[in-house]
Amino acid sequence: DATKVGLMESASKGSFFLDEVGEAPLSIQVKLLRVLQEKEIMRVGGTKTIGIDLRIIAASNLDLTKAVKNKTFREDLYYRLNVIPIELPPLRERKEDIPLLVDHFVKKYNEERQGDNKIQGVHSDVLSLMENYSWPGNVRELENVIERAVVLEVEDMIQVSSLPGGISGNKESASDVVLPPSDQPVDLEKTLDQIEKKMLLGALDQSNGIINKAAKQLNLSFRSMRYRIQKHKLKGKEEADD
């Protein structure tokens, strides 16, 4: 009983970003191909086509050429999208970007840090370890490491002790935890909640929001994962594995 303008129609005369296009089911790929070929859409419940003019920007972590061979991604859609390809190398192949990214993320999470004790940067040993780490999770993993360090660090420079064991090369234990001075108390429950929320977001992001997949990644039961999602007011999909 009301007209609703969709996202593609709203983006007409501008740009439309398709993130992780390789994950789109074949039924959606068919509709997307039609939009690219005909340059028109039809509203849900509508009877008339509407012309649109879009610049499509698509991104994917998948190797779409392999997906085409495996028949999980349409070949005709692949060639429609693959007009000006830009291949972004993994972080391990562009180590020169790490100092710039570290500075950016330190500034970003400094704004969320309570109190006047802001992080000024990272210790030279920390930067050296980061430049020698392989970063399998790329920039998102680096951001998570910096967010964690900003939360845990008690000095004005991020120290090696605030890095995860996989990067520092040290196994983490209770004896490695550096407590702040007694006049600078830390809200442990709030800090743990922040870390838990960050890990939940990371797992949901990597599983495309599917709760049971994210739960497996965190070694949690489906019920426990759903409870934590509700606790932090996050969103997930109760969809079965393919």
Protein backbone atom coordinates (compact mmCIF):
# COMPACT_ATOMS: atom_id res chain seq x y z
CA ASP A 1 0.00 0.00 0.00
CA ALA A 2 3.06 2.25 -0.27
CA THR A 3 5.88 2.90 -2.70
CA LYS A 4 9.36 2.03 -1.52
CA VAL A 5 12.48 2.96 -3.46
CA GLY A 6 15.08 0.18 -3.40
CA LEU A 7 18.83 0.53 -2.95
CA MET A 8 19.72 0.28 -6.62
CA GLU A 9 17.12 2.85 -7.61
CA SER A 10 18.37 5.14 -4.85
CA ALA A 11 21.93 4.79 -6.20
CA SER A 12 21.00 5.71 -9.78
CA LYS A 13 23.41 8.27 -11.26
CA GLY A 14 25.94 7.15 -8.67
CA SER A 15 27.89 4.11 -7.47
CA PHE A 16 26.61 0.82 -6.06
CA PHE A 17 29.01 -1.37 -4.02
CA LEU A 18 28.51 -5.15 -3.97
CA ASP A 19 30.61 -6.60 -1.16
CA GLU A 20 31.54 -10.31 -1.34
CA VAL A 21 29.69 -10.72 -4.63
CA GLY A 22 31.14 -14.23 -4.92
CA GLU A 23 28.87 -15.33 -2.06
CA ALA A 24 25.68 -14.35 -3.91
CA PRO A 25 23.42 -17.35 -4.66
CA LEU A 26 22.81 -18.18 -8.33
CA SER A 27 19.23 -16.89 -8.10
CA ILE A 28 20.52 -13.43 -7.18
CA GLN A 29 23.26 -13.60 -9.80
CA VAL A 30 20.62 -14.00 -12.52
CA LYS A 31 18.76 -10.89 -11.34
CA LEU A 32 21.97 -8.90 -11.03
CA LEU A 33 23.02 -9.88 -14.57
CA ARG A 34 19.71 -8.62 -15.90
CA VAL A 35 20.20 -5.26 -14.19
CA LEU A 36 23.67 -4.92 -15.71
CA GLN A 37 22.50 -5.90 -19.19
CA GLU A 38 19.18 -4.07 -19.37
CA LYS A 39 20.01 -1.19 -17.00
CA GLU A 40 16.58 -1.37 -15.48
CA ILE A 41 14.89 -2.74 -12.38
CA MET A 42 11.37 -3.52 -11.22
CA ARG A 43 10.22 -2.67 -7.72
CA VAL A 44 8.89 -5.43 -5.50
CA GLY A 45 5.19 -5.63 -6.27
CA GLY A 46 5.62 -3.31 -9.25
CA THR A 47 4.48 -3.85 -12.83
CA LYS A 48 6.69 -1.35 -14.69
CA THR A 49 10.43 -1.37 -15.28
CA ILE A 50 12.49 1.62 -14.16
CA GLY A 51 15.66 2.67 -15.94
CA ILE A 52 18.75 3.16 -13.80
CA ASP A 53 22.30 4.30 -14.48
CA LEU A 54 24.81 2.80 -12.04
CA ARG A 55 28.53 2.44 -11.61
CA ILE A 56 28.95 -1.05 -10.14
CA ILE A 57 31.90 -1.72 -7.81
CA ALA A 58 32.17 -5.35 -6.73
CA ALA A 59 34.55 -6.98 -4.25
CA SER A 60 35.26 -10.61 -3.43
CA ASN A 61 37.71 -12.60 -1.32
CA LEU A 62 36.98 -15.65 -3.46
CA ASP A 63 38.86 -16.52 -6.63
CA LEU A 64 36.00 -15.88 -9.04
CA THR A 65 37.77 -17.61 -11.94
CA LYS A 66 37.75 -20.83 -9.90
CA ALA A 67 34.15 -20.19 -8.88
CA VAL A 68 33.22 -19.94 -12.58
CA LYS A 69 34.94 -23.27 -13.28
CA ASN A 70 33.13 -24.82 -10.30
CA LYS A 71 29.79 -23.53 -11.62
CA THR A 72 29.11 -21.55 -8.43
CA PHE A 73 29.45 -18.19 -10.18
CA ARG A 74 27.96 -17.35 -13.56
CA GLU A 75 30.51 -16.84 -16.30
CA ASP A 76 28.45 -14.17 -18.07
CA LEU A 77 28.11 -12.18 -14.83
CA TYR A 78 31.84 -12.53 -14.16
CA TYR A 79 32.70 -10.90 -17.50
CA ARG A 80 30.09 -8.21 -16.97
CA LEU A 81 31.71 -7.25 -13.66
CA ASN A 82 35.34 -7.81 -14.62
CA VAL A 83 35.76 -4.65 -16.70
CA ILE A 84 38.48 -2.87 -14.72
CA PRO A 85 39.88 -5.37 -12.22
CA ILE A 86 41.89 -4.12 -9.25
CA GLU A 87 43.73 -6.82 -7.35
CA LEU A 88 44.55 -5.84 -3.78
CA PRO A 89 47.58 -7.79 -2.51
CA PRO A 90 47.36 -9.37 0.95
CA LEU A 91 48.87 -7.36 3.80
CA ARG A 92 51.88 -9.69 4.02
CA GLU A 93 52.88 -8.51 0.51
CA ARG A 94 52.67 -4.80 1.35
CA LYS A 95 54.41 -4.50 4.69
CA GLU A 96 55.19 -0.85 3.96
CA ASP A 97 51.50 -0.09 4.64
CA ILE A 98 51.61 -1.45 8.20
CA PRO A 99 52.99 1.69 9.95
CA LEU A 100 50.36 3.88 8.25
CA LEU A 101 47.55 1.46 9.12
CA VAL A 102 48.76 1.15 12.72
CA ASP A 103 48.75 4.94 13.14
CA HIS A 104 45.25 5.11 11.67
CA PHE A 105 43.81 2.43 13.95
CA VAL A 106 45.52 3.81 17.06
CA LYS A 107 43.88 7.18 16.40
CA LYS A 108 40.53 5.51 15.73
CA TYR A 109 40.44 3.49 18.97
CA ASN A 110 42.00 6.27 21.04
CA GLU A 111 38.69 8.09 20.58
CA GLU A 112 36.92 5.23 22.36
CA ARG A 113 39.48 4.98 25.16
CA GLN A 114 38.25 6.35 28.46
CA GLY A 115 40.27 8.81 30.51
CA ASP A 116 43.14 11.09 29.57
CA ASN A 117 45.73 8.34 29.11
CA LYS A 118 45.74 8.16 25.31
CA ILE A 119 48.01 5.85 23.36
CA GLN A 120 50.76 7.81 21.61
CA GLY A 121 51.87 5.04 19.26
CA VAL A 122 53.56 1.63 19.26
CA HIS A 123 56.97 0.60 20.57
CA SER A 124 59.59 -0.07 17.89
CA ASP A 125 59.73 -3.75 18.92
CA VAL A 126 55.98 -4.02 18.36
CA LEU A 127 56.24 -2.55 14.86
CA SER A 128 59.09 -4.93 14.04
CA LEU A 129 57.00 -7.95 15.12
CA MET A 130 54.05 -6.72 13.09
CA GLU A 131 56.16 -6.31 9.98
CA ASN A 132 57.43 -9.87 10.34
CA TYR A 133 54.00 -11.42 10.94
CA SER A 134 52.14 -13.06 8.02
CA TRP A 135 48.68 -11.51 8.77
CA PRO A 136 46.41 -14.29 7.50
CA GLY A 137 43.41 -12.11 8.40
CA ASN A 138 44.83 -9.13 6.49
CA VAL A 139 43.86 -5.56 7.47
CA ARG A 140 40.86 -6.67 9.55
CA GLU A 141 43.15 -8.79 11.74
CA LEU A 142 45.56 -5.86 12.17
CA GLU A 143 42.68 -3.63 13.22
CA ASN A 144 41.51 -6.20 15.78
CA VAL A 145 45.04 -6.46 17.21
CA ILE A 146 45.30 -2.68 17.61
CA GLU A 147 41.83 -2.44 19.16
CA ARG A 148 42.78 -5.15 21.67
CA ALA A 149 46.10 -3.47 22.48
CA VAL A 150 44.49 -0.05 23.01
CA VAL A 151 42.04 -1.62 25.48
CA LEU A 152 44.70 -3.55 27.43
CA GLU A 153 47.71 -1.23 27.33
CA VAL A 154 48.52 0.68 30.54
CA GLU A 155 51.46 2.66 29.14
CA ASP A 156 51.32 5.50 26.63
CA MET A 157 53.01 3.31 23.97
CA ILE A 158 51.73 -0.12 22.94
CA GLN A 159 54.13 -2.75 24.29
CA VAL A 160 54.82 -6.32 23.14
CA SER A 161 52.95 -7.58 26.22
CA SER A 162 49.68 -6.21 24.76
CA LEU A 163 49.99 -8.27 21.57
CA PRO A 164 48.39 -11.69 21.07
CA GLY A 165 50.75 -14.61 21.59
CA GLY A 166 50.63 -15.53 17.90
CA ILE A 167 52.30 -12.24 16.99
CA SER A 168 54.60 -11.73 19.97
CA GLY A 169 55.80 -15.33 19.80
CA ASN A 170 55.05 -15.83 23.48
CA LYS A 171 52.41 -18.09 24.95
CA GLU A 172 49.98 -16.01 26.92
CA SER A 173 49.35 -16.88 30.54
CA ALA A 174 48.04 -15.17 33.65
CA SER A 175 51.60 -14.28 34.64
CA ASP A 176 51.96 -12.23 31.42
CA VAL A 177 49.11 -9.89 32.32
CA VAL A 178 50.32 -6.45 33.37
CA LEU A 179 47.94 -4.77 35.80
CA PRO A 180 47.66 -0.98 35.89
CA PRO A 181 48.80 1.04 38.90
CA SER A 182 46.37 1.00 41.80
CA ASP A 183 45.35 4.62 41.12
CA GLN A 184 44.26 3.68 37.57
CA PRO A 185 41.62 0.96 38.09
CA VAL A 186 40.34 -1.01 35.12
CA ASP A 187 36.74 -2.16 34.82
CA LEU A 188 37.47 -5.84 34.18
CA GLU A 189 33.90 -6.83 33.33
CA LYS A 190 33.55 -4.01 30.82
CA THR A 191 36.93 -4.81 29.25
CA LEU A 192 36.04 -8.51 28.92
CA ASP A 193 32.68 -7.57 27.40
CA GLN A 194 34.46 -5.40 24.82
CA ILE A 195 36.82 -8.24 23.90
CA GLU A 196 33.96 -10.74 23.70
CA LYS A 197 31.92 -8.42 21.49
CA LYS A 198 34.91 -7.87 19.19
CA MET A 199 35.44 -11.63 18.80
CA LEU A 200 31.74 -12.22 18.15
CA LEU A 201 31.71 -9.51 15.47
CA GLY A 202 34.82 -10.99 13.86
CA ALA A 203 33.36 -14.50 13.75
CA LEU A 204 30.00 -13.27 12.42
CA ASP A 205 31.77 -11.21 9.78
CA GLN A 206 33.83 -14.17 8.56
CA SER A 207 30.75 -16.44 8.53
CA ASN A 208 28.56 -13.91 6.68
CA GLY A 209 26.37 -13.61 9.77
CA ILE A 210 25.44 -17.29 9.97
CA ILE A 211 25.24 -18.10 13.68
CA ASN A 212 26.08 -21.80 13.62
CA LYS A 213 29.19 -21.22 11.49
CA ALA A 214 30.36 -18.42 13.80
CA ALA A 215 29.69 -20.64 16.83
CA LYS A 216 31.91 -23.40 15.41
CA GLN A 217 34.69 -20.89 14.82
CA LEU A 218 34.55 -19.83 18.49
CA ASN A 219 34.03 -23.40 19.76
CA LEU A 220 30.64 -22.48 21.21
CA SER A 221 27.31 -24.26 21.12
CA PHE A 222 24.59 -22.70 18.96
CA ARG A 223 22.58 -21.81 22.09
CA SER A 224 25.57 -20.17 23.78
CA MET A 225 26.41 -18.21 20.63
CA ARG A 226 22.82 -17.00 20.26
CA TYR A 227 22.77 -15.91 23.92
CA ARG A 228 25.93 -13.83 23.46
CA ILE A 229 24.60 -12.28 20.26
CA GLN A 230 21.44 -11.21 22.07
CA LYS A 231 23.46 -9.98 25.05
CA HIS A 232 25.51 -7.62 22.86
CA LYS A 233 22.52 -6.71 20.64
CA LEU A 234 24.18 -8.08 17.51
CA LYS A 235 22.54 -9.61 14.47
CA GLY A 236 22.94 -13.08 12.99
CA LYS A 237 21.14 -15.50 10.72
CA GLU A 238 19.88 -18.88 11.90
CA GLU A 239 20.76 -20.60 8.64
CA ALA A 240 21.97 -24.18 8.28
CA ASP A 241 25.28 -25.07 6.68
CA ASP A 242 25.22 -25.76 2.95
